[in-house]
Amino acid sequence: MKVYARVSIGSNTETEKRTPADKHGEINPAWNFMMRYTIGESAVQLYGAMLVIKLYCKRKLGDRYIGERSGELSGEEGFCAFSGSA
């Protein structure tokens, strides 16, 4: 199974970024992949910005949605940390 993740801020598809497919993890995919987003501090404080991670299985007949996880972003001085749990 070749699994990859699509990461976005909330439901905004314009912010979506994708990891490479994990070709070795099989049912336990893992990535060491950095993504950078610039998010205004007011957006985090006022609107409770969410980080959304959707997992897909890469297939020849179309990629298959596996599941997703989302969590609130929090941070200070322009840095945000994902604070959700699996």
PDB file of N, CA and C in Angstrom:
ATOM      1  N   MET A   1       0.841  -1.163   0.000  1.00  0.00           N
ATOM      2  CA  MET A   1       0.000   0.000   0.000  1.00  0.00           C
ATOM      3  C   MET A   1       0.895   1.238   0.000  1.00  0.00           C
ATOM      4  N   LYS A   2       0.659   2.156  -0.918  1.00  0.00           N
ATOM      5  CA  LYS A   2       1.423   3.399  -0.999  1.00  0.00           C
ATOM      6  C   LYS A   2       0.529   4.538  -0.526  1.00  0.00           C
ATOM      7  N   VAL A   3       0.775   4.995   0.698  1.00  0.00           N
ATOM      8  CA  VAL A   3      -0.079   5.998   1.331  1.00  0.00           C
ATOM      9  C   VAL A   3       0.608   7.357   1.298  1.00  0.00           C
ATOM     10  N   TYR A   4      -0.190   8.388   1.026  1.00  0.00           N
ATOM     11  CA  TYR A   4       0.307   9.758   1.097  1.00  0.00           C
ATOM     12  C   TYR A   4      -0.697  10.600   1.853  1.00  0.00           C
ATOM     13  N   ALA A   5      -0.261  11.780   2.286  1.00  0.00           N
ATOM     14  CA  ALA A   5      -1.126  12.679   3.045  1.00  0.00           C
ATOM     15  C   ALA A   5      -1.314  13.985   2.289  1.00  0.00           C
ATOM     16  N   ARG A   6      -2.532  14.507   2.354  1.00  0.00           N
ATOM     17  CA  ARG A   6      -2.841  15.849   1.864  1.00  0.00           C
ATOM     18  C   ARG A   6      -3.105  16.702   3.092  1.00  0.00           C
ATOM     19  N   VAL A   7      -2.369  17.787   3.225  1.00  0.00           N
ATOM     20  CA  VAL A   7      -2.448  18.638   4.411  1.00  0.00           C
ATOM     21  C   VAL A   7      -2.980  20.003   3.990  1.00  0.00           C
ATOM     22  N   SER A   8      -3.942  20.524   4.754  1.00  0.00           N
ATOM     23  CA  SER A   8      -4.488  21.845   4.449  1.00  0.00           C
ATOM     24  C   SER A   8      -4.855  22.565   5.737  1.00  0.00           C
ATOM     25  N   ILE A   9      -5.072  23.871   5.611  1.00  0.00           N
ATOM     26  CA  ILE A   9      -5.540  24.674   6.729  1.00  0.00           C
ATOM     27  C   ILE A   9      -7.055  24.767   6.575  1.00  0.00           C
ATOM     28  N   GLY A  10      -7.775  24.153   7.492  1.00  0.00           N
ATOM     29  CA  GLY A  10      -9.227  24.115   7.417  1.00  0.00           C
ATOM     30  C   GLY A  10      -9.685  23.425   6.145  1.00  0.00           C
ATOM     31  N   SER A  11     -10.756  23.926   5.558  1.00  0.00           N
ATOM     32  CA  SER A  11     -11.281  23.328   4.332  1.00  0.00           C
ATOM     33  C   SER A  11     -10.828  24.093   3.094  1.00  0.00           C
ATOM     34  N   ASN A  12      -9.843  24.971   3.243  1.00  0.00           N
ATOM     35  CA  ASN A  12      -9.346  25.779   2.138  1.00  0.00           C
ATOM     36  C   ASN A  12      -8.442  24.932   1.241  1.00  0.00           C
ATOM     37  N   THR A  13      -8.948  24.535   0.089  1.00  0.00           N
ATOM     38  CA  THR A  13      -8.177  23.681  -0.822  1.00  0.00           C
ATOM     39  C   THR A  13      -6.982  24.413  -1.427  1.00  0.00           C
ATOM     40  N   GLU A  14      -6.986  25.739  -1.401  1.00  0.00           N
ATOM     41  CA  GLU A  14      -5.851  26.502  -1.919  1.00  0.00           C
ATOM     42  C   GLU A  14      -4.604  26.302  -1.060  1.00  0.00           C
ATOM     43  N   THR A  15      -4.770  25.904   0.188  1.00  0.00           N
ATOM     44  CA  THR A  15      -3.631  25.707   1.087  1.00  0.00           C
ATOM     45  C   THR A  15      -3.133  24.261   1.085  1.00  0.00           C
ATOM     46  N   GLU A  16      -3.764  23.407   0.289  1.00  0.00           N
ATOM     47  CA  GLU A  16      -3.443  21.972   0.320  1.00  0.00           C
ATOM     48  C   GLU A  16      -2.052  21.680  -0.232  1.00  0.00           C
ATOM     49  N   LYS A  17      -1.313  20.881   0.524  1.00  0.00           N
ATOM     50  CA  LYS A  17       0.006  20.387   0.121  1.00  0.00           C
ATOM     51  C   LYS A  17       0.000  18.878   0.285  1.00  0.00           C
ATOM     52  N   ARG A  18       0.904  18.197  -0.418  1.00  0.00           N
ATOM     53  CA  ARG A  18       0.896  16.732  -0.433  1.00  0.00           C
ATOM     54  C   ARG A  18       2.284  16.178  -0.116  1.00  0.00           C
ATOM     55  N   THR A  19       2.296  15.105   0.652  1.00  0.00           N
ATOM     56  CA  THR A  19       3.559  14.421   0.936  1.00  0.00           C
ATOM     57  C   THR A  19       3.840  13.434  -0.193  1.00  0.00           C
ATOM     58  N   PRO A  20       5.087  12.988  -0.304  1.00  0.00           N
ATOM     59  CA  PRO A  20       5.354  11.866  -1.221  1.00  0.00           C
ATOM     60  C   PRO A  20       4.698  10.600  -0.657  1.00  0.00           C
ATOM     61  N   ALA A  21       4.412   9.648  -1.513  1.00  0.00           N
ATOM     62  CA  ALA A  21       3.837   8.377  -1.054  1.00  0.00           C
ATOM     63  C   ALA A  21       4.884   7.582  -0.289  1.00  0.00           C
ATOM     64  N   ASP A  22       4.469   6.990   0.837  1.00  0.00           N
ATOM     65  CA  ASP A  22       5.345   6.110   1.610  1.00  0.00           C
ATOM     66  C   ASP A  22       5.275   4.731   0.960  1.00  0.00           C
ATOM     67  N   LYS A  23       6.369   4.306   0.354  1.00  0.00           N
ATOM     68  CA  LYS A  23       6.389   3.038  -0.380  1.00  0.00           C
ATOM     69  C   LYS A  23       6.836   1.860   0.482  1.00  0.00           C
ATOM     70  N   HIS A  24       7.275   2.148   1.713  1.00  0.00           N
ATOM     71  CA  HIS A  24       7.848   1.085   2.541  1.00  0.00           C
ATOM     72  C   HIS A  24       7.050   0.781   3.802  1.00  0.00           C
ATOM     73  N   GLY A  25       6.181   1.693   4.235  1.00  0.00           N
ATOM     74  CA  GLY A  25       5.490   1.539   5.518  1.00  0.00           C
ATOM     75  C   GLY A  25       4.316   0.583   5.514  1.00  0.00           C
ATOM     76  N   GLU A  26       3.821   0.230   4.323  1.00  0.00           N
ATOM     77  CA  GLU A  26       2.657  -0.666   4.214  1.00  0.00           C
ATOM     78  C   GLU A  26       1.503  -0.146   5.068  1.00  0.00           C
ATOM     79  N   ILE A  27       1.083  -0.887   6.090  1.00  0.00           N
ATOM     80  CA  ILE A  27      -0.063  -0.459   6.901  1.00  0.00           C
ATOM     81  C   ILE A  27       0.329   0.529   8.004  1.00  0.00           C
ATOM     82  N   ASN A  28       1.614   0.844   8.125  1.00  0.00           N
ATOM     83  CA  ASN A  28       2.098   1.812   9.109  1.00  0.00           C
ATOM     84  C   ASN A  28       2.932   2.884   8.405  1.00  0.00           C
ATOM     85  N   PRO A  29       2.305   3.726   7.584  1.00  0.00           N
ATOM     86  CA  PRO A  29       3.075   4.729   6.843  1.00  0.00           C
ATOM     87  C   PRO A  29       3.695   5.754   7.775  1.00  0.00           C
ATOM     88  N   ALA A  30       4.827   6.289   7.349  1.00  0.00           N
ATOM     89  CA  ALA A  30       5.512   7.324   8.123  1.00  0.00           C
ATOM     90  C   ALA A  30       6.199   8.282   7.161  1.00  0.00           C
ATOM     91  N   TRP A  31       6.284   9.544   7.552  1.00  0.00           N
ATOM     92  CA  TRP A  31       6.941  10.545   6.727  1.00  0.00           C
ATOM     93  C   TRP A  31       7.849  11.389   7.598  1.00  0.00           C
ATOM     94  N   ASN A  32       8.947  11.799   7.036  1.00  0.00           N
ATOM     95  CA  ASN A  32       9.805  12.804   7.636  1.00  0.00           C
ATOM     96  C   ASN A  32       9.830  13.925   6.608  1.00  0.00           C
ATOM     97  N   PHE A  33       8.759  14.709   6.619  1.00  0.00           N
ATOM     98  CA  PHE A  33       8.513  15.672   5.555  1.00  0.00           C
ATOM     99  C   PHE A  33       8.018  16.973   6.173  1.00  0.00           C
ATOM    100  N   MET A  34       8.692  18.080   5.859  1.00  0.00           N
ATOM    101  CA  MET A  34       8.323  19.369   6.431  1.00  0.00           C
ATOM    102  C   MET A  34       7.460  20.159   5.444  1.00  0.00           C
ATOM    103  N   MET A  35       6.405  20.766   5.963  1.00  0.00           N
ATOM    104  CA  MET A  35       5.558  21.673   5.182  1.00  0.00           C
ATOM    105  C   MET A  35       5.511  22.995   5.930  1.00  0.00           C
ATOM    106  N   ARG A  36       5.601  24.074   5.186  1.00  0.00           N
ATOM    107  CA  ARG A  36       5.559  25.402   5.811  1.00  0.00           C
ATOM    108  C   ARG A  36       4.327  26.158   5.347  1.00  0.00           C
ATOM    109  N   TYR A  37       3.662  26.776   6.317  1.00  0.00           N
ATOM    110  CA  TYR A  37       2.518  27.631   6.048  1.00  0.00           C
ATOM    111  C   TYR A  37       2.735  28.955   6.769  1.00  0.00           C
ATOM    112  N   THR A  38       2.271  30.032   6.183  1.00  0.00           N
ATOM    113  CA  THR A  38       2.272  31.324   6.847  1.00  0.00           C
ATOM    114  C   THR A  38       0.833  31.651   7.212  1.00  0.00           C
ATOM    115  N   ILE A  39       0.587  31.751   8.507  1.00  0.00           N
ATOM    116  CA  ILE A  39      -0.767  31.987   9.006  1.00  0.00           C
ATOM    117  C   ILE A  39      -0.704  33.183   9.948  1.00  0.00           C
ATOM    118  N   GLY A  40      -1.565  34.152   9.715  1.00  0.00           N
ATOM    119  CA  GLY A  40      -1.599  35.327  10.580  1.00  0.00           C
ATOM    120  C   GLY A  40      -2.000  34.954  11.996  1.00  0.00           C
ATOM    121  N   GLU A  41      -1.371  35.615  12.970  1.00  0.00           N
ATOM    122  CA  GLU A  41      -1.662  35.321  14.374  1.00  0.00           C
ATOM    123  C   GLU A  41      -3.135  35.542  14.694  1.00  0.00           C
ATOM    124  N   SER A  42      -3.737  36.560  14.087  1.00  0.00           N
ATOM    125  CA  SER A  42      -5.152  36.836  14.362  1.00  0.00           C
ATOM    126  C   SER A  42      -6.035  35.699  13.852  1.00  0.00           C
ATOM    127  N   ALA A  43      -5.660  35.068  12.757  1.00  0.00           N
ATOM    128  CA  ALA A  43      -6.441  33.941  12.234  1.00  0.00           C
ATOM    129  C   ALA A  43      -6.425  32.785  13.217  1.00  0.00           C
ATOM    130  N   VAL A  44      -5.286  32.546  13.840  1.00  0.00           N
ATOM    131  CA  VAL A  44      -5.176  31.462  14.808  1.00  0.00           C
ATOM    132  C   VAL A  44      -5.974  31.796  16.067  1.00  0.00           C
ATOM    133  N   GLN A  45      -5.851  33.033  16.547  1.00  0.00           N
ATOM    134  CA  GLN A  45      -6.514  33.417  17.789  1.00  0.00           C
ATOM    135  C   GLN A  45      -8.021  33.610  17.620  1.00  0.00           C
ATOM    136  N   LEU A  46      -8.434  34.280  16.544  1.00  0.00           N
ATOM    137  CA  LEU A  46      -9.845  34.616  16.377  1.00  0.00           C
ATOM    138  C   LEU A  46     -10.668  33.511  15.745  1.00  0.00           C
ATOM    139  N   TYR A  47     -10.103  32.815  14.786  1.00  0.00           N
ATOM    140  CA  TYR A  47     -10.890  31.867  14.015  1.00  0.00           C
ATOM    141  C   TYR A  47     -10.605  30.408  14.366  1.00  0.00           C
ATOM    142  N   GLY A  48      -9.673  30.156  15.249  1.00  0.00           N
ATOM    143  CA  GLY A  48      -9.363  28.782  15.643  1.00  0.00           C
ATOM    144  C   GLY A  48      -8.961  27.926  14.448  1.00  0.00           C
ATOM    145  N   ALA A  49      -7.925  28.343  13.735  1.00  0.00           N
ATOM    146  CA  ALA A  49      -7.483  27.634  12.531  1.00  0.00           C
ATOM    147  C   ALA A  49      -7.227  26.161  12.830  1.00  0.00           C
ATOM    148  N   MET A  50      -7.635  25.317  11.901  1.00  0.00           N
ATOM    149  CA  MET A  50      -7.476  23.871  12.041  1.00  0.00           C
ATOM    150  C   MET A  50      -6.510  23.336  10.987  1.00  0.00           C
ATOM    151  N   LEU A  51      -5.671  22.399  11.387  1.00  0.00           N
ATOM    152  CA  LEU A  51      -4.806  21.686  10.462  1.00  0.00           C
ATOM    153  C   LEU A  51      -5.517  20.377  10.132  1.00  0.00           C
ATOM    154  N   VAL A  52      -5.724  20.119   8.843  1.00  0.00           N
ATOM    155  CA  VAL A  52      -6.446  18.926   8.408  1.00  0.00           C
ATOM    156  C   VAL A  52      -5.483  18.033   7.630  1.00  0.00           C
ATOM    157  N   ILE A  53      -5.386  16.765   8.039  1.00  0.00           N
ATOM    158  CA  ILE A  53      -4.523  15.787   7.374  1.00  0.00           C
ATOM    159  C   ILE A  53      -5.408  14.667   6.860  1.00  0.00           C
ATOM    160  N   LYS A  54      -5.445  14.511   5.533  1.00  0.00           N
ATOM    161  CA  LYS A  54      -6.243  13.449   4.909  1.00  0.00           C
ATOM    162  C   LYS A  54      -5.300  12.423   4.299  1.00  0.00           C
ATOM    163  N   LEU A  55      -5.557  11.153   4.557  1.00  0.00           N
ATOM    164  CA  LEU A  55      -4.719  10.074   4.037  1.00  0.00           C
ATOM    165  C   LEU A  55      -5.381   9.408   2.839  1.00  0.00           C
ATOM    166  N   TYR A  56      -4.558   9.119   1.837  1.00  0.00           N
ATOM    167  CA  TYR A  56      -5.019   8.474   0.612  1.00  0.00           C
ATOM    168  C   TYR A  56      -4.087   7.335   0.250  1.00  0.00           C
ATOM    169  N   CYS A  57      -4.645   6.304  -0.368  1.00  0.00           N
ATOM    170  CA  CYS A  57      -3.870   5.187  -0.902  1.00  0.00           C
ATOM    171  C   CYS A  57      -3.736   5.413  -2.400  1.00  0.00           C
ATOM    172  N   LYS A  58      -2.502   5.457  -2.880  1.00  0.00           N
ATOM    173  CA  LYS A  58      -2.241   5.697  -4.291  1.00  0.00           C
ATOM    174  C   LYS A  58      -2.525   4.418  -5.080  1.00  0.00           C
ATOM    175  N   ARG A  59      -3.411   4.523  -6.094  1.00  0.00           N
ATOM    176  CA  ARG A  59      -3.775   3.365  -6.908  1.00  0.00           C
ATOM    177  C   ARG A  59      -3.831   3.766  -8.378  1.00  0.00           C
ATOM    178  N   LYS A  60      -3.675   2.786  -9.244  1.00  0.00           N
ATOM    179  CA  LYS A  60      -3.712   3.047 -10.685  1.00  0.00           C
ATOM    180  C   LYS A  60      -5.098   3.455 -11.154  1.00  0.00           C
ATOM    181  N   LEU A  61      -6.141   2.934 -10.526  1.00  0.00           N
ATOM    182  CA  LEU A  61      -7.514   3.242 -10.929  1.00  0.00           C
ATOM    183  C   LEU A  61      -8.113   4.407 -10.144  1.00  0.00           C
ATOM    184  N   GLY A  62      -7.285   5.253  -9.599  1.00  0.00           N
ATOM    185  CA  GLY A  62      -7.752   6.387  -8.799  1.00  0.00           C
ATOM    186  C   GLY A  62      -7.416   6.202  -7.337  1.00  0.00           C
ATOM    187  N   ASP A  63      -6.959   7.254  -6.730  1.00  0.00           N
ATOM    188  CA  ASP A  63      -6.556   7.185  -5.326  1.00  0.00           C
ATOM    189  C   ASP A  63      -7.769   6.989  -4.429  1.00  0.00           C
ATOM    190  N   ARG A  64      -7.561   6.251  -3.343  1.00  0.00           N
ATOM    191  CA  ARG A  64      -8.642   5.912  -2.418  1.00  0.00           C
ATOM    192  C   ARG A  64      -8.460   6.656  -1.102  1.00  0.00           C
ATOM    193  N   TYR A  65      -9.524   7.323  -0.661  1.00  0.00           N
ATOM    194  CA  TYR A  65      -9.532   8.033   0.620  1.00  0.00           C
ATOM    195  C   TYR A  65      -9.517   7.008   1.746  1.00  0.00           C
ATOM    196  N   ILE A  66      -8.616   7.190   2.725  1.00  0.00           N
ATOM    197  CA  ILE A  66      -8.510   6.265   3.846  1.00  0.00           C
ATOM    198  C   ILE A  66      -9.133   6.862   5.107  1.00  0.00           C
ATOM    199  N   GLY A  67      -8.801   8.103   5.401  1.00  0.00           N
ATOM    200  CA  GLY A  67      -9.316   8.738   6.610  1.00  0.00           C
ATOM    201  C   GLY A  67      -8.648  10.072   6.831  1.00  0.00           C
ATOM    202  N   GLU A  68      -9.008  10.733   7.918  1.00  0.00           N
ATOM    203  CA  GLU A  68      -8.415  12.034   8.190  1.00  0.00           C
ATOM    204  C   GLU A  68      -8.333  12.307   9.682  1.00  0.00           C
ATOM    205  N   ARG A  69      -7.522  13.302   9.997  1.00  0.00           N
ATOM    206  CA  ARG A  69      -7.335  13.763  11.368  1.00  0.00           C
ATOM    207  C   ARG A  69      -7.198  15.265  11.307  1.00  0.00           C
ATOM    208  N   SER A  70      -7.812  15.966  12.227  1.00  0.00           N
ATOM    209  CA  SER A  70      -7.659  17.416  12.274  1.00  0.00           C
ATOM    210  C   SER A  70      -7.402  17.838  13.708  1.00  0.00           C
ATOM    211  N   GLY A  71      -6.770  18.976  13.852  1.00  0.00           N
ATOM    212  CA  GLY A  71      -6.471  19.494  15.183  1.00  0.00           C
ATOM    213  C   GLY A  71      -6.301  21.000  15.132  1.00  0.00           C
ATOM    214  N   GLU A  72      -6.541  21.649  16.262  1.00  0.00           N
ATOM    215  CA  GLU A  72      -6.400  23.095  16.346  1.00  0.00           C
ATOM    216  C   GLU A  72      -4.949  23.498  16.282  1.00  0.00           C
ATOM    217  N   LEU A  73      -4.693  24.615  15.612  1.00  0.00           N
ATOM    218  CA  LEU A  73      -3.348  25.172  15.592  1.00  0.00           C
ATOM    219  C   LEU A  73      -3.231  26.167  16.731  1.00  0.00           C
ATOM    220  N   SER A  74      -2.083  26.149  17.400  1.00  0.00           N
ATOM    221  CA  SER A  74      -1.822  27.130  18.446  1.00  0.00           C
ATOM    222  C   SER A  74      -0.361  27.508  18.357  1.00  0.00           C
ATOM    223  N   GLY A  75      -0.045  28.706  18.776  1.00  0.00           N
ATOM    224  CA  GLY A  75       1.358  29.096  18.712  1.00  0.00           C
ATOM    225  C   GLY A  75       1.548  30.551  19.070  1.00  0.00           C
ATOM    226  N   GLU A  76       2.791  30.951  19.085  1.00  0.00           N
ATOM    227  CA  GLU A  76       3.136  32.330  19.374  1.00  0.00           C
ATOM    228  C   GLU A  76       4.317  32.716  18.503  1.00  0.00           C
ATOM    229  N   GLU A  77       4.491  34.002  18.287  1.00  0.00           N
ATOM    230  CA  GLU A  77       5.590  34.537  17.491  1.00  0.00           C
ATOM    231  C   GLU A  77       5.638  33.943  16.089  1.00  0.00           C
ATOM    232  N   GLY A  78       4.484  33.649  15.523  1.00  0.00           N
ATOM    233  CA  GLY A  78       4.439  33.165  14.143  1.00  0.00           C
ATOM    234  C   GLY A  78       4.649  31.684  13.966  1.00  0.00           C
ATOM    235  N   PHE A  79       4.885  30.948  15.044  1.00  0.00           N
ATOM    236  CA  PHE A  79       5.079  29.506  14.941  1.00  0.00           C
ATOM    237  C   PHE A  79       3.824  28.807  15.436  1.00  0.00           C
ATOM    238  N   CYS A  80       3.433  27.782  14.738  1.00  0.00           N
ATOM    239  CA  CYS A  80       2.237  27.027  15.127  1.00  0.00           C
ATOM    240  C   CYS A  80       2.601  25.578  15.357  1.00  0.00           C
ATOM    241  N   ALA A  81       1.936  24.961  16.290  1.00  0.00           N
ATOM    242  CA  ALA A  81       2.181  23.550  16.585  1.00  0.00           C
ATOM    243  C   ALA A  81       0.854  22.807  16.538  1.00  0.00           C
ATOM    244  N   PHE A  82       0.854  21.641  15.947  1.00  0.00           N
ATOM    245  CA  PHE A  82      -0.342  20.805  15.886  1.00  0.00           C
ATOM    246  C   PHE A  82      -0.587  20.227  17.265  1.00  0.00           C
ATOM    247  N   SER A  83      -1.794  20.457  17.785  1.00  0.00           N
ATOM    248  CA  SER A  83      -2.079  20.021  19.154  1.00  0.00           C
ATOM    249  C   SER A  83      -3.147  18.945  19.217  1.00  0.00           C
ATOM    250  N   GLY A  84      -3.431  18.292  18.104  1.00  0.00           N
ATOM    251  CA  GLY A  84      -4.433  17.224  18.098  1.00  0.00           C
ATOM    252  C   GLY A  84      -3.825  15.905  18.515  1.00  0.00           C
ATOM    253  N   SER A  85      -4.680  14.939  18.805  1.00  0.00           N
ATOM    254  CA  SER A  85      -4.193  13.593  19.128  1.00  0.00           C
ATOM    255  C   SER A  85      -4.811  12.614  18.154  1.00  0.00           C
ATOM    256  N   ALA A  86      -4.161  11.478  17.982  1.00  0.00           N
ATOM    257  CA  ALA A  86      -4.627  10.490  17.014  1.00  0.00           C
ATOM    258  C   ALA A  86      -5.806   9.713  17.532  1.00  0.00           C
TER     259      ALA A  86
END
